[in-house]
Amino acid sequence: MSSSPIEKKIIDYLEHGDKRALNLLYENYSTSLYGVILKITQNEEIAEDALQETFIKVWRNSGKYDSSKAKLFTWLFRIARNTAIDKLRSFNNRYQKEVQIDKSNVYILPTSDLNQDVMDIREHVGRLEEKYKIVLDALFFEGMTQQEASDELGIPLGTIKSRLKIGLRELKKVYDP
């Protein structure tokens, strides 16, 4: 395959790991490669990233180029094309997985339905008689089961249930007058 003098120089630089190859590659091929990448990605930002990544891949794989198998531009074209496709897939996958806040109602709380008094439930539990307060604290704030509260507090299970019922009835008076 016949090569132009500049192409021969670039190939020689690539074979010897000479960084001047990158400058020559960019000067001679960046516009064409960018056009190919942009046609695939349809997005300038993605295309710019893909072009930069293409040159990084070319530099890292410069030892793999074989001028007897393909012209330099063909080799560059394949790397650019594959990089563009990978970038586009990556972008599409990431975009599909992202939560679209403006299209979601997850964070929209109807504040009119919130009873502001409920926000201070500990304070209201603290105002109950001690025997009810102890039971509600154990069950709701310490996360105990009724049986665990009975064992821990030394109160019969039936009494725990009764005090829970009465304590909740007293709280209901506060929250639902």
Protein backbone atom coordinates (compact mmCIF):
# COMPACT_ATOMS: atom_id res chain seq x y z
CA MET A 1 0.00 0.00 0.00
CA SER A 2 1.39 3.36 -0.94
CA SER A 3 1.48 6.06 1.69
CA SER A 4 1.97 9.80 1.51
CA PRO A 5 5.23 11.20 2.89
CA ILE A 6 3.43 12.67 5.92
CA GLU A 7 1.70 9.35 6.58
CA LYS A 8 5.07 7.55 6.44
CA LYS A 9 6.50 10.04 8.90
CA ILE A 10 3.57 9.54 11.30
CA ILE A 11 3.89 5.76 11.05
CA ASP A 12 7.61 6.00 11.76
CA TYR A 13 6.98 8.22 14.79
CA LEU A 14 4.28 5.82 16.06
CA GLU A 15 6.58 2.82 15.68
CA HIS A 16 9.28 4.57 17.70
CA GLY A 17 6.93 5.97 20.36
CA ASP A 18 7.77 9.54 19.33
CA LYS A 19 5.19 11.99 20.70
CA ARG A 20 5.46 14.11 17.56
CA ALA A 21 3.17 11.51 16.00
CA LEU A 22 0.26 12.81 18.07
CA ASN A 23 0.68 16.36 16.82
CA LEU A 24 0.85 15.22 13.21
CA LEU A 25 -2.10 12.89 13.65
CA TYR A 26 -4.17 15.66 15.15
CA GLU A 27 -3.19 18.19 12.49
CA ASN A 28 -3.90 15.82 9.60
CA TYR A 29 -6.78 13.65 10.77
CA SER A 30 -8.72 15.30 13.61
CA THR A 31 -11.20 17.12 11.36
CA SER A 32 -12.07 13.99 9.37
CA LEU A 33 -12.29 11.80 12.47
CA TYR A 34 -14.42 14.37 14.29
CA GLY A 35 -16.83 14.39 11.34
CA VAL A 36 -17.14 10.61 11.46
CA ILE A 37 -17.66 10.62 15.24
CA LEU A 38 -20.20 13.47 15.14
CA LYS A 39 -22.21 11.66 12.48
CA ILE A 40 -22.46 8.65 14.80
CA THR A 41 -23.09 10.44 18.10
CA GLN A 42 -25.19 13.40 16.89
CA ASN A 43 -23.90 15.26 19.94
CA GLU A 44 -20.97 17.69 19.90
CA GLU A 45 -19.97 17.14 23.53
CA ILE A 46 -19.93 13.36 23.17
CA ALA A 47 -18.09 13.70 19.84
CA GLU A 48 -15.37 15.85 21.40
CA ASP A 49 -14.87 13.34 24.21
CA ALA A 50 -14.80 10.47 21.74
CA LEU A 51 -12.23 12.25 19.57
CA GLN A 52 -9.95 12.81 22.53
CA GLU A 53 -10.37 9.21 23.63
CA THR A 54 -9.64 8.08 20.05
CA PHE A 55 -6.25 9.77 20.10
CA ILE A 56 -5.48 8.27 23.50
CA LYS A 57 -6.33 4.80 22.15
CA VAL A 58 -4.25 5.40 19.03
CA TRP A 59 -1.26 6.35 21.15
CA ARG A 60 -1.67 3.40 23.53
CA ASN A 61 -2.11 0.94 20.66
CA SER A 62 0.41 2.45 18.28
CA GLY A 63 2.52 -0.72 18.44
CA LYS A 64 -0.38 -2.73 17.06
CA TYR A 65 -0.67 -0.80 13.82
CA ASP A 66 0.41 -2.84 10.81
CA SER A 67 0.79 -0.83 7.60
CA SER A 68 0.61 -4.03 5.52
CA LYS A 69 -2.95 -4.68 6.72
CA ALA A 70 -4.54 -1.24 6.46
CA LYS A 71 -3.82 2.35 5.57
CA LEU A 72 -3.28 4.63 8.55
CA PHE A 73 -6.58 6.46 8.03
CA THR A 74 -8.50 3.17 7.88
CA TRP A 75 -6.96 2.12 11.20
CA LEU A 76 -7.74 5.54 12.73
CA PHE A 77 -11.26 5.43 11.30
CA ARG A 78 -11.99 2.05 12.91
CA ILE A 79 -10.74 3.22 16.31
CA ALA A 80 -12.75 6.46 16.06
CA ARG A 81 -15.90 4.65 14.93
CA ASN A 82 -15.72 2.06 17.70
CA THR A 83 -14.97 4.72 20.31
CA ALA A 84 -17.92 6.82 19.15
CA ILE A 85 -20.26 3.83 19.34
CA ASP A 86 -18.99 2.96 22.83
CA LYS A 87 -19.40 6.57 24.02
CA LEU A 88 -22.91 6.77 22.61
CA ARG A 89 -23.94 3.49 24.25
CA SER A 90 -22.44 4.60 27.54
CA PHE A 91 -24.24 7.93 27.38
CA ASN A 92 -27.57 6.32 26.50
CA ASN A 93 -27.26 3.74 29.28
CA ARG A 94 -26.37 6.39 31.85
CA TYR A 95 -29.16 8.70 30.69
CA GLN A 96 -31.76 5.93 30.89
CA LYS A 97 -30.67 4.99 34.40
CA GLU A 98 -30.69 8.54 35.77
CA VAL A 99 -33.79 9.64 37.64
CA GLN A 100 -35.43 12.42 35.73
CA ILE A 101 -36.29 14.76 38.63
CA ASP A 102 -38.44 17.01 36.47
CA LYS A 103 -40.47 13.97 35.35
CA SER A 104 -40.83 12.44 38.81
CA ASN A 105 -43.18 13.17 41.66
CA VAL A 106 -41.07 11.34 44.25
CA TYR A 107 -39.86 14.53 45.89
CA ILE A 108 -43.14 16.40 45.76
CA LEU A 109 -44.74 16.13 49.17
CA PRO A 110 -48.23 17.50 49.65
CA THR A 111 -47.49 19.82 52.58
CA SER A 112 -51.14 20.64 53.10
CA ASP A 113 -51.73 17.04 54.25
CA LEU A 114 -48.95 17.11 56.86
CA ASN A 115 -50.06 17.79 60.38
CA GLN A 116 -47.31 19.91 61.89
CA ASP A 117 -48.22 18.66 65.38
CA VAL A 118 -47.15 15.13 64.40
CA MET A 119 -43.60 16.36 63.96
CA ASP A 120 -43.19 16.65 67.73
CA ILE A 121 -44.55 13.27 68.79
CA ARG A 122 -41.82 12.68 71.39
CA GLU A 123 -42.90 15.83 73.18
CA HIS A 124 -46.52 14.65 73.32
CA VAL A 125 -45.55 11.15 74.47
CA GLY A 126 -43.53 12.83 77.22
CA ARG A 127 -46.71 14.51 78.51
CA LEU A 128 -48.49 11.19 79.09
CA GLU A 129 -48.63 9.46 82.47
CA GLU A 130 -45.33 7.71 83.21
CA LYS A 131 -46.78 4.18 82.90
CA TYR A 132 -47.97 4.87 79.32
CA LYS A 133 -44.88 6.85 78.38
CA ILE A 134 -42.54 3.97 79.37
CA VAL A 135 -44.47 1.49 77.21
CA LEU A 136 -44.67 3.79 74.15
CA ASP A 137 -40.97 4.66 74.44
CA ALA A 138 -40.01 0.99 74.53
CA LEU A 139 -42.26 -0.01 71.63
CA PHE A 140 -41.89 2.92 69.26
CA PHE A 141 -38.63 4.68 70.02
CA GLU A 142 -36.54 1.71 71.12
CA GLY A 143 -38.06 -0.70 68.61
CA MET A 144 -38.96 -3.46 71.05
CA THR A 145 -41.71 -5.99 70.46
CA GLN A 146 -44.50 -6.19 73.01
CA GLN A 147 -42.96 -9.37 74.45
CA GLU A 148 -39.49 -7.76 74.69
CA ALA A 149 -40.98 -4.72 76.43
CA SER A 150 -42.79 -7.00 78.85
CA ASP A 151 -39.57 -8.87 79.67
CA GLU A 152 -37.42 -5.73 79.85
CA LEU A 153 -39.82 -3.68 81.95
CA GLY A 154 -41.01 -6.56 84.12
CA ILE A 155 -44.64 -5.82 83.26
CA PRO A 156 -47.09 -8.57 82.24
CA LEU A 157 -47.76 -8.79 78.48
CA GLY A 158 -51.49 -8.08 78.96
CA THR A 159 -50.65 -4.89 80.87
CA ILE A 160 -48.25 -3.79 78.08
CA LYS A 161 -51.05 -4.21 75.55
CA SER A 162 -53.54 -2.32 77.70
CA ARG A 163 -51.14 0.56 78.37
CA LEU A 164 -50.28 0.73 74.66
CA LYS A 165 -53.95 0.96 73.75
CA ILE A 166 -54.66 3.63 76.37
CA GLY A 167 -51.48 5.59 75.48
CA LEU A 168 -52.39 5.61 71.79
CA ARG A 169 -55.93 6.71 72.63
CA GLU A 170 -54.50 9.63 74.64
CA LEU A 171 -52.20 10.60 71.75
CA LYS A 172 -55.12 10.42 69.35
CA LYS A 173 -56.83 13.14 71.41
CA VAL A 174 -53.84 15.39 70.75
CA TYR A 175 -53.52 14.67 67.03
CA ASP A 176 -57.13 14.17 66.08
CA PRO A 177 -59.16 16.44 68.39
